[in-house]
Amino acid sequence: MIELPHRDLPAEPDPVEGCDVCSALANQRAAAQGAGDASRVADCNVEMRRHPHPNRRRKR
């Protein structure tokens, strides 16, 4: 039997208020969650984390 280590997933990023890109990604993520598409949910989270905002520090 192979036992893999348990890894906690990072918290989902919050969309930045007033950012159309973040808002669209949050909507896509919600739709993907509703459809059970965990891969798309993860993709949206990655895109949201990487989306630049000049006056915002990234949470890691």
PDB file of N, CA and C in Angstrom:
ATOM      1  N   MET A   1       0.845  -1.182   0.000  1.00  0.00           N
ATOM      2  CA  MET A   1       0.000   0.000   0.000  1.00  0.00           C
ATOM      3  C   MET A   1       0.888   1.243   0.000  1.00  0.00           C
ATOM      4  N   ILE A   2       0.571   2.172  -0.870  1.00  0.00           N
ATOM      5  CA  ILE A   2       1.307   3.430  -0.937  1.00  0.00           C
ATOM      6  C   ILE A   2       0.484   4.494  -0.225  1.00  0.00           C
ATOM      7  N   GLU A   3       1.151   5.217   0.660  1.00  0.00           N
ATOM      8  CA  GLU A   3       0.465   6.273   1.393  1.00  0.00           C
ATOM      9  C   GLU A   3       1.053   7.615   0.977  1.00  0.00           C
ATOM     10  N   LEU A   4       0.223   8.488   0.464  1.00  0.00           N
ATOM     11  CA  LEU A   4       0.664   9.806   0.041  1.00  0.00           C
ATOM     12  C   LEU A   4       0.435  10.805   1.163  1.00  0.00           C
ATOM     13  N   PRO A   5       1.323  11.783   1.278  1.00  0.00           N
ATOM     14  CA  PRO A   5       1.152  12.779   2.339  1.00  0.00           C
ATOM     15  C   PRO A   5      -0.078  13.646   2.069  1.00  0.00           C
ATOM     16  N   HIS A   6      -0.736  14.032   3.126  1.00  0.00           N
ATOM     17  CA  HIS A   6      -1.900  14.916   3.011  1.00  0.00           C
ATOM     18  C   HIS A   6      -1.401  16.342   2.841  1.00  0.00           C
ATOM     19  N   ARG A   7      -1.905  17.025   1.874  1.00  0.00           N
ATOM     20  CA  ARG A   7      -1.509  18.415   1.649  1.00  0.00           C
ATOM     21  C   ARG A   7      -2.744  19.286   1.691  1.00  0.00           C
ATOM     22  N   ASP A   8      -2.683  20.290   2.535  1.00  0.00           N
ATOM     23  CA  ASP A   8      -3.791  21.232   2.597  1.00  0.00           C
ATOM     24  C   ASP A   8      -3.716  22.154   1.388  1.00  0.00           C
ATOM     25  N   LEU A   9      -4.838  22.350   0.767  1.00  0.00           N
ATOM     26  CA  LEU A   9      -4.898  23.264  -0.362  1.00  0.00           C
ATOM     27  C   LEU A   9      -4.953  24.695   0.167  1.00  0.00           C
ATOM     28  N   PRO A  10      -4.300  25.634  -0.530  1.00  0.00           N
ATOM     29  CA  PRO A  10      -4.383  27.025  -0.079  1.00  0.00           C
ATOM     30  C   PRO A  10      -5.811  27.530  -0.221  1.00  0.00           C
ATOM     31  N   ALA A  11      -6.124  28.497   0.609  1.00  0.00           N
ATOM     32  CA  ALA A  11      -7.467  29.092   0.552  1.00  0.00           C
ATOM     33  C   ALA A  11      -7.694  29.709  -0.815  1.00  0.00           C
ATOM     34  N   GLU A  12      -8.930  29.684  -1.255  1.00  0.00           N
ATOM     35  CA  GLU A  12      -9.255  30.305  -2.539  1.00  0.00           C
ATOM     36  C   GLU A  12      -9.050  31.806  -2.435  1.00  0.00           C
ATOM     37  N   PRO A  13      -8.455  32.411  -3.455  1.00  0.00           N
ATOM     38  CA  PRO A  13      -8.243  33.854  -3.412  1.00  0.00           C
ATOM     39  C   PRO A  13      -9.560  34.612  -3.527  1.00  0.00           C
ATOM     40  N   ASP A  14      -9.617  35.743  -2.869  1.00  0.00           N
ATOM     41  CA  ASP A  14     -10.786  36.613  -2.971  1.00  0.00           C
ATOM     42  C   ASP A  14     -10.600  37.544  -4.169  1.00  0.00           C
ATOM     43  N   PRO A  15     -11.666  37.802  -4.909  1.00  0.00           N
ATOM     44  CA  PRO A  15     -11.540  38.754  -6.018  1.00  0.00           C
ATOM     45  C   PRO A  15     -11.312  40.162  -5.467  1.00  0.00           C
ATOM     46  N   VAL A  16     -10.512  40.943  -6.169  1.00  0.00           N
ATOM     47  CA  VAL A  16     -10.265  42.328  -5.774  1.00  0.00           C
ATOM     48  C   VAL A  16     -11.475  43.153  -6.176  1.00  0.00           C
ATOM     49  N   GLU A  17     -11.990  43.906  -5.220  1.00  0.00           N
ATOM     50  CA  GLU A  17     -13.183  44.726  -5.462  1.00  0.00           C
ATOM     51  C   GLU A  17     -12.936  45.712  -6.598  1.00  0.00           C
ATOM     52  N   GLY A  18     -13.872  45.761  -7.534  1.00  0.00           N
ATOM     53  CA  GLY A  18     -13.787  46.688  -8.648  1.00  0.00           C
ATOM     54  C   GLY A  18     -12.986  46.183  -9.839  1.00  0.00           C
ATOM     55  N   CYS A  19     -12.419  44.981  -9.747  1.00  0.00           N
ATOM     56  CA  CYS A  19     -11.630  44.430 -10.852  1.00  0.00           C
ATOM     57  C   CYS A  19     -12.523  43.512 -11.689  1.00  0.00           C
ATOM     58  N   ASP A  20     -12.718  43.884 -12.949  1.00  0.00           N
ATOM     59  CA  ASP A  20     -13.573  43.096 -13.841  1.00  0.00           C
ATOM     60  C   ASP A  20     -13.008  41.703 -14.094  1.00  0.00           C
ATOM     61  N   VAL A  21     -11.687  41.595 -14.192  1.00  0.00           N
ATOM     62  CA  VAL A  21     -11.054  40.292 -14.441  1.00  0.00           C
ATOM     63  C   VAL A  21     -11.297  39.367 -13.250  1.00  0.00           C
ATOM     64  N   CYS A  22     -11.063  39.871 -12.041  1.00  0.00           N
ATOM     65  CA  CYS A  22     -11.290  39.056 -10.843  1.00  0.00           C
ATOM     66  C   CYS A  22     -12.756  38.642 -10.711  1.00  0.00           C
ATOM     67  N   SER A  23     -13.643  39.570 -11.027  1.00  0.00           N
ATOM     68  CA  SER A  23     -15.070  39.277 -10.956  1.00  0.00           C
ATOM     69  C   SER A  23     -15.447  38.166 -11.936  1.00  0.00           C
ATOM     70  N   ALA A  24     -14.934  38.246 -13.154  1.00  0.00           N
ATOM     71  CA  ALA A  24     -15.223  37.217 -14.161  1.00  0.00           C
ATOM     72  C   ALA A  24     -14.667  35.868 -13.722  1.00  0.00           C
ATOM     73  N   LEU A  25     -13.446  35.869 -13.179  1.00  0.00           N
ATOM     74  CA  LEU A  25     -12.845  34.610 -12.722  1.00  0.00           C
ATOM     75  C   LEU A  25     -13.620  34.020 -11.548  1.00  0.00           C
ATOM     76  N   ALA A  26     -14.097  34.872 -10.656  1.00  0.00           N
ATOM     77  CA  ALA A  26     -14.887  34.387  -9.519  1.00  0.00           C
ATOM     78  C   ALA A  26     -16.191  33.760 -10.006  1.00  0.00           C
ATOM     79  N   ASN A  27     -16.814  34.366 -11.015  1.00  0.00           N
ATOM     80  CA  ASN A  27     -18.045  33.810 -11.586  1.00  0.00           C
ATOM     81  C   ASN A  27     -17.783  32.475 -12.282  1.00  0.00           C
ATOM     82  N   GLN A  28     -16.672  32.406 -13.025  1.00  0.00           N
ATOM     83  CA  GLN A  28     -16.311  31.152 -13.697  1.00  0.00           C
ATOM     84  C   GLN A  28     -16.006  30.065 -12.663  1.00  0.00           C
ATOM     85  N   ARG A  29     -15.334  30.450 -11.580  1.00  0.00           N
ATOM     86  CA  ARG A  29     -15.011  29.487 -10.527  1.00  0.00           C
ATOM     87  C   ARG A  29     -16.284  28.957  -9.882  1.00  0.00           C
ATOM     88  N   ALA A  30     -17.232  29.845  -9.614  1.00  0.00           N
ATOM     89  CA  ALA A  30     -18.496  29.418  -9.003  1.00  0.00           C
ATOM     90  C   ALA A  30     -19.255  28.457  -9.920  1.00  0.00           C
ATOM     91  N   ALA A  31     -19.256  28.751 -11.211  1.00  0.00           N
ATOM     92  CA  ALA A  31     -19.927  27.864 -12.166  1.00  0.00           C
ATOM     93  C   ALA A  31     -19.235  26.504 -12.211  1.00  0.00           C
ATOM     94  N   ALA A  32     -17.914  26.524 -12.182  1.00  0.00           N
ATOM     95  CA  ALA A  32     -17.148  25.272 -12.209  1.00  0.00           C
ATOM     96  C   ALA A  32     -17.397  24.456 -10.937  1.00  0.00           C
ATOM     97  N   GLN A  33     -17.479  25.141  -9.804  1.00  0.00           N
ATOM     98  CA  GLN A  33     -17.784  24.438  -8.550  1.00  0.00           C
ATOM     99  C   GLN A  33     -19.157  23.782  -8.635  1.00  0.00           C
ATOM    100  N   GLY A  34     -20.116  24.506  -9.181  1.00  0.00           N
ATOM    101  CA  GLY A  34     -21.464  23.967  -9.330  1.00  0.00           C
ATOM    102  C   GLY A  34     -21.526  22.768 -10.251  1.00  0.00           C
ATOM    103  N   ALA A  35     -20.639  22.751 -11.238  1.00  0.00           N
ATOM    104  CA  ALA A  35     -20.596  21.646 -12.200  1.00  0.00           C
ATOM    105  C   ALA A  35     -19.689  20.501 -11.736  1.00  0.00           C
ATOM    106  N   GLY A  36     -19.030  20.706 -10.591  1.00  0.00           N
ATOM    107  CA  GLY A  36     -18.130  19.670 -10.085  1.00  0.00           C
ATOM    108  C   GLY A  36     -16.823  19.579 -10.861  1.00  0.00           C
ATOM    109  N   ASP A  37     -16.425  20.656 -11.513  1.00  0.00           N
ATOM    110  CA  ASP A  37     -15.202  20.677 -12.325  1.00  0.00           C
ATOM    111  C   ASP A  37     -14.043  21.229 -11.493  1.00  0.00           C
ATOM    112  N   ALA A  38     -13.430  20.372 -10.683  1.00  0.00           N
ATOM    113  CA  ALA A  38     -12.358  20.782  -9.779  1.00  0.00           C
ATOM    114  C   ALA A  38     -11.144  21.312 -10.533  1.00  0.00           C
ATOM    115  N   SER A  39     -10.887  20.787 -11.721  1.00  0.00           N
ATOM    116  CA  SER A  39      -9.753  21.252 -12.519  1.00  0.00           C
ATOM    117  C   SER A  39      -9.932  22.709 -12.927  1.00  0.00           C
ATOM    118  N   ARG A  40     -11.131  23.056 -13.376  1.00  0.00           N
ATOM    119  CA  ARG A  40     -11.409  24.445 -13.776  1.00  0.00           C
ATOM    120  C   ARG A  40     -11.403  25.367 -12.565  1.00  0.00           C
ATOM    121  N   VAL A  41     -11.887  24.891 -11.423  1.00  0.00           N
ATOM    122  CA  VAL A  41     -11.842  25.681 -10.195  1.00  0.00           C
ATOM    123  C   VAL A  41     -10.387  26.036  -9.878  1.00  0.00           C
ATOM    124  N   ALA A  42      -9.514  25.037  -9.936  1.00  0.00           N
ATOM    125  CA  ALA A  42      -8.092  25.266  -9.659  1.00  0.00           C
ATOM    126  C   ALA A  42      -7.494  26.243 -10.667  1.00  0.00           C
ATOM    127  N   ASP A  43      -7.857  26.105 -11.939  1.00  0.00           N
ATOM    128  CA  ASP A  43      -7.354  27.020 -12.967  1.00  0.00           C
ATOM    129  C   ASP A  43      -7.768  28.464 -12.672  1.00  0.00           C
ATOM    130  N   CYS A  44      -9.005  28.655 -12.289  1.00  0.00           N
ATOM    131  CA  CYS A  44      -9.493  30.002 -11.967  1.00  0.00           C
ATOM    132  C   CYS A  44      -8.737  30.574 -10.768  1.00  0.00           C
ATOM    133  N   ASN A  45      -8.485  29.733  -9.766  1.00  0.00           N
ATOM    134  CA  ASN A  45      -7.747  30.193  -8.586  1.00  0.00           C
ATOM    135  C   ASN A  45      -6.336  30.624  -8.964  1.00  0.00           C
ATOM    136  N   VAL A  46      -5.680  29.854  -9.818  1.00  0.00           N
ATOM    137  CA  VAL A  46      -4.321  30.197 -10.250  1.00  0.00           C
ATOM    138  C   VAL A  46      -4.337  31.513 -11.023  1.00  0.00           C
ATOM    139  N   GLU A  47      -5.279  31.650 -11.942  1.00  0.00           N
ATOM    140  CA  GLU A  47      -5.365  32.882 -12.730  1.00  0.00           C
ATOM    141  C   GLU A  47      -5.622  34.089 -11.833  1.00  0.00           C
ATOM    142  N   MET A  48      -6.488  33.915 -10.843  1.00  0.00           N
ATOM    143  CA  MET A  48      -6.812  35.021  -9.948  1.00  0.00           C
ATOM    144  C   MET A  48      -5.590  35.413  -9.108  1.00  0.00           C
ATOM    145  N   ARG A  49      -4.837  34.416  -8.642  1.00  0.00           N
ATOM    146  CA  ARG A  49      -3.629  34.719  -7.858  1.00  0.00           C
ATOM    147  C   ARG A  49      -2.574  35.425  -8.701  1.00  0.00           C
ATOM    148  N   ARG A  50      -2.471  35.076  -9.951  1.00  0.00           N
ATOM    149  CA  ARG A  50      -1.435  35.646 -10.821  1.00  0.00           C
ATOM    150  C   ARG A  50      -1.833  36.970 -11.463  1.00  0.00           C
ATOM    151  N   HIS A  51      -3.121  37.302 -11.412  1.00  0.00           N
ATOM    152  CA  HIS A  51      -3.590  38.538 -12.026  1.00  0.00           C
ATOM    153  C   HIS A  51      -3.026  39.731 -11.243  1.00  0.00           C
ATOM    154  N   PRO A  52      -2.302  40.635 -11.931  1.00  0.00           N
ATOM    155  CA  PRO A  52      -1.641  41.732 -11.211  1.00  0.00           C
ATOM    156  C   PRO A  52      -2.586  42.859 -10.791  1.00  0.00           C
ATOM    157  N   HIS A  53      -2.294  43.390  -9.632  1.00  0.00           N
ATOM    158  CA  HIS A  53      -2.960  44.586  -9.121  1.00  0.00           C
ATOM    159  C   HIS A  53      -1.855  45.446  -8.522  1.00  0.00           C
ATOM    160  N   PRO A  54      -1.661  46.639  -9.022  1.00  0.00           N
ATOM    161  CA  PRO A  54      -0.517  47.476  -8.642  1.00  0.00           C
ATOM    162  C   PRO A  54      -0.347  47.702  -7.137  1.00  0.00           C
ATOM    163  N   ASN A  55      -1.410  47.939  -6.409  1.00  0.00           N
ATOM    164  CA  ASN A  55      -1.300  48.280  -4.986  1.00  0.00           C
ATOM    165  C   ASN A  55      -1.741  47.156  -4.072  1.00  0.00           C
ATOM    166  N   ARG A  56      -1.508  45.925  -4.484  1.00  0.00           N
ATOM    167  CA  ARG A  56      -1.970  44.783  -3.692  1.00  0.00           C
ATOM    168  C   ARG A  56      -0.829  43.799  -3.485  1.00  0.00           C
ATOM    169  N   ARG A  57      -0.643  43.387  -2.226  1.00  0.00           N
ATOM    170  CA  ARG A  57       0.344  42.341  -1.968  1.00  0.00           C
ATOM    171  C   ARG A  57      -0.342  40.997  -2.136  1.00  0.00           C
ATOM    172  N   ARG A  58       0.378  40.031  -2.699  1.00  0.00           N
ATOM    173  CA  ARG A  58      -0.192  38.709  -2.931  1.00  0.00           C
ATOM    174  C   ARG A  58      -0.198  37.890  -1.653  1.00  0.00           C
ATOM    175  N   LYS A  59      -1.296  37.174  -1.444  1.00  0.00           N
ATOM    176  CA  LYS A  59      -1.380  36.219  -0.342  1.00  0.00           C
ATOM    177  C   LYS A  59      -0.851  34.890  -0.836  1.00  0.00           C
ATOM    178  N   ARG A  60      -0.049  34.259  -0.064  1.00  0.00           N
ATOM    179  CA  ARG A  60       0.478  32.946  -0.465  1.00  0.00           C
ATOM    180  C   ARG A  60       0.171  31.919   0.553  1.00  0.00           C
TER     181      ARG A  60
END
